Amino acid sequence: MASAFSLVARKIFGSKNEREIKRLRPDVDEINRIEPEISALSDDELRAKIAEWKANISAIE
């Protein structure tokens, strides 16, 4: 049986799963925001977009 402290802590901070969901929510929102734009691309346009992303990442590194 869980201690009173752990029950109170879970109530205040949420479970580990709830904290992980909260941490990932901004990423999910961003993915959902750009999904229609990406879905509308042709295969060739998508390949070009991926190449652009890779170039941007390489420039950062």
N, C-alpha and C. Protein backbone atom coordinates (compact mmCIF):
# COMPACT_ATOMS: atom_id res chain seq x y z
N MET A 1 0.85 -1.19 0.00
CA MET A 1 0.00 0.00 0.00
C MET A 1 0.89 1.24 0.00
N ALA A 2 0.54 2.20 -0.80
CA ALA A 2 1.33 3.43 -0.92
C ALA A 2 1.23 4.25 0.35
N SER A 3 2.34 4.90 0.67
CA SER A 3 2.35 5.75 1.86
C SER A 3 1.54 7.02 1.59
N ALA A 4 1.17 7.68 2.66
CA ALA A 4 0.41 8.92 2.55
C ALA A 4 1.22 9.98 1.80
N PHE A 5 2.54 9.99 2.06
CA PHE A 5 3.40 10.97 1.39
C PHE A 5 3.38 10.76 -0.12
N SER A 6 3.51 9.51 -0.57
CA SER A 6 3.55 9.26 -2.00
C SER A 6 2.21 9.60 -2.66
N LEU A 7 1.12 9.38 -1.94
CA LEU A 7 -0.19 9.74 -2.47
C LEU A 7 -0.33 11.25 -2.63
N VAL A 8 0.14 11.98 -1.63
CA VAL A 8 0.08 13.44 -1.68
C VAL A 8 1.01 13.95 -2.78
N ALA A 9 2.22 13.39 -2.87
CA ALA A 9 3.17 13.82 -3.89
C ALA A 9 2.60 13.56 -5.28
N ARG A 10 1.98 12.42 -5.49
CA ARG A 10 1.39 12.09 -6.79
C ARG A 10 0.26 13.06 -7.10
N LYS A 11 -0.51 13.43 -6.08
CA LYS A 11 -1.62 14.36 -6.28
C LYS A 11 -1.09 15.74 -6.70
N ILE A 12 0.03 16.17 -6.10
CA ILE A 12 0.59 17.49 -6.39
C ILE A 12 1.36 17.49 -7.71
N PHE A 13 2.25 16.51 -7.91
CA PHE A 13 3.16 16.51 -9.05
C PHE A 13 2.68 15.63 -10.20
N GLY A 14 1.72 14.78 -9.97
CA GLY A 14 1.25 13.85 -10.99
C GLY A 14 2.10 12.59 -11.01
N SER A 15 1.59 11.58 -11.66
CA SER A 15 2.35 10.33 -11.77
C SER A 15 3.49 10.54 -12.77
N LYS A 16 4.41 9.59 -12.80
CA LYS A 16 5.52 9.68 -13.76
C LYS A 16 4.97 9.76 -15.18
N ASN A 17 3.96 8.99 -15.48
CA ASN A 17 3.35 9.01 -16.81
C ASN A 17 2.75 10.38 -17.11
N GLU A 18 2.04 10.96 -16.17
CA GLU A 18 1.45 12.29 -16.37
C GLU A 18 2.52 13.35 -16.61
N ARG A 19 3.64 13.26 -15.87
CA ARG A 19 4.73 14.22 -16.06
C ARG A 19 5.36 14.06 -17.44
N GLU A 20 5.50 12.82 -17.90
CA GLU A 20 6.08 12.56 -19.22
C GLU A 20 5.16 13.10 -20.31
N ILE A 21 3.87 12.90 -20.17
CA ILE A 21 2.91 13.43 -21.14
C ILE A 21 2.99 14.96 -21.17
N LYS A 22 3.08 15.58 -20.02
CA LYS A 22 3.18 17.03 -19.95
C LYS A 22 4.46 17.52 -20.62
N ARG A 23 5.55 16.78 -20.45
CA ARG A 23 6.83 17.15 -21.05
C ARG A 23 6.77 17.04 -22.58
N LEU A 24 6.07 16.04 -23.08
CA LEU A 24 6.01 15.81 -24.52
C LEU A 24 4.94 16.62 -25.24
N ARG A 25 4.01 17.20 -24.52
CA ARG A 25 2.88 17.91 -25.11
C ARG A 25 3.30 18.98 -26.12
N PRO A 26 4.32 19.84 -25.83
CA PRO A 26 4.70 20.86 -26.83
C PRO A 26 5.17 20.23 -28.15
N ASP A 27 5.89 19.11 -28.08
CA ASP A 27 6.34 18.44 -29.30
C ASP A 27 5.15 17.91 -30.09
N VAL A 28 4.21 17.31 -29.40
CA VAL A 28 3.00 16.78 -30.05
C VAL A 28 2.22 17.91 -30.71
N ASP A 29 2.08 19.02 -30.01
CA ASP A 29 1.36 20.17 -30.57
C ASP A 29 2.04 20.69 -31.83
N GLU A 30 3.38 20.76 -31.82
CA GLU A 30 4.12 21.22 -32.99
C GLU A 30 3.96 20.25 -34.16
N ILE A 31 4.03 18.96 -33.89
CA ILE A 31 3.83 17.95 -34.94
C ILE A 31 2.43 18.09 -35.53
N ASN A 32 1.44 18.22 -34.68
CA ASN A 32 0.06 18.38 -35.17
C ASN A 32 -0.11 19.67 -35.98
N ARG A 33 0.64 20.71 -35.63
CA ARG A 33 0.55 21.98 -36.34
C ARG A 33 1.09 21.85 -37.77
N ILE A 34 2.22 21.14 -37.95
CA ILE A 34 2.84 21.08 -39.27
C ILE A 34 2.37 19.88 -40.11
N GLU A 35 1.63 18.97 -39.52
CA GLU A 35 1.20 17.75 -40.23
C GLU A 35 0.44 18.04 -41.53
N PRO A 36 -0.53 18.95 -41.56
CA PRO A 36 -1.24 19.20 -42.83
C PRO A 36 -0.30 19.71 -43.93
N GLU A 37 0.64 20.55 -43.57
CA GLU A 37 1.60 21.09 -44.55
C GLU A 37 2.47 19.96 -45.12
N ILE A 38 2.96 19.09 -44.27
CA ILE A 38 3.83 18.01 -44.71
C ILE A 38 3.04 16.98 -45.52
N SER A 39 1.84 16.68 -45.10
CA SER A 39 1.00 15.70 -45.82
C SER A 39 0.68 16.14 -47.24
N ALA A 40 0.64 17.45 -47.45
CA ALA A 40 0.29 17.97 -48.78
C ALA A 40 1.44 17.91 -49.76
N LEU A 41 2.66 17.64 -49.28
CA LEU A 41 3.83 17.62 -50.16
C LEU A 41 3.85 16.35 -51.01
N SER A 42 4.34 16.50 -52.23
CA SER A 42 4.57 15.33 -53.08
C SER A 42 5.80 14.60 -52.55
N ASP A 43 6.05 13.41 -53.07
CA ASP A 43 7.23 12.65 -52.64
C ASP A 43 8.51 13.43 -52.91
N ASP A 44 8.61 14.05 -54.08
CA ASP A 44 9.81 14.82 -54.42
C ASP A 44 9.96 16.05 -53.52
N GLU A 45 8.85 16.73 -53.24
CA GLU A 45 8.90 17.89 -52.34
C GLU A 45 9.30 17.46 -50.93
N LEU A 46 8.81 16.31 -50.51
CA LEU A 46 9.15 15.80 -49.18
C LEU A 46 10.64 15.45 -49.11
N ARG A 47 11.16 14.83 -50.16
CA ARG A 47 12.60 14.53 -50.20
C ARG A 47 13.42 15.82 -50.11
N ALA A 48 12.99 16.86 -50.81
CA ALA A 48 13.69 18.15 -50.77
C ALA A 48 13.61 18.76 -49.37
N LYS A 49 12.45 18.65 -48.74
CA LYS A 49 12.27 19.20 -47.39
C LYS A 49 13.18 18.46 -46.40
N ILE A 50 13.27 17.15 -46.53
CA ILE A 50 14.14 16.36 -45.65
C ILE A 50 15.60 16.76 -45.85
N ALA A 51 16.01 16.96 -47.10
CA ALA A 51 17.37 17.40 -47.39
C ALA A 51 17.64 18.76 -46.75
N GLU A 52 16.66 19.63 -46.81
CA GLU A 52 16.77 20.97 -46.18
C GLU A 52 16.94 20.84 -44.67
N TRP A 53 16.13 19.97 -44.05
CA TRP A 53 16.23 19.76 -42.60
C TRP A 53 17.60 19.21 -42.22
N LYS A 54 18.08 18.24 -43.00
CA LYS A 54 19.40 17.66 -42.73
C LYS A 54 20.49 18.72 -42.84
N ALA A 55 20.38 19.58 -43.83
CA ALA A 55 21.38 20.66 -43.99
C ALA A 55 21.34 21.62 -42.80
N ASN A 56 20.13 21.94 -42.34
CA ASN A 56 19.97 22.83 -41.17
C ASN A 56 20.57 22.19 -39.92
N ILE A 57 20.33 20.89 -39.75
CA ILE A 57 20.88 20.20 -38.58
C ILE A 57 22.40 20.14 -38.65
N SER A 58 22.94 19.87 -39.83
CA SER A 58 24.39 19.83 -40.00
C SER A 58 25.00 21.19 -39.69
N ALA A 59 24.33 22.26 -40.08
CA ALA A 59 24.84 23.61 -39.82
C ALA A 59 24.86 23.91 -38.32
N ILE A 60 23.92 23.35 -37.60
CA ILE A 60 23.86 23.57 -36.15
C ILE A 60 24.98 22.80 -35.46
N GLU A 61 25.21 21.59 -35.92
CA GLU A 61 26.26 20.75 -35.30
C GLU A 61 27.61 21.28 -35.70
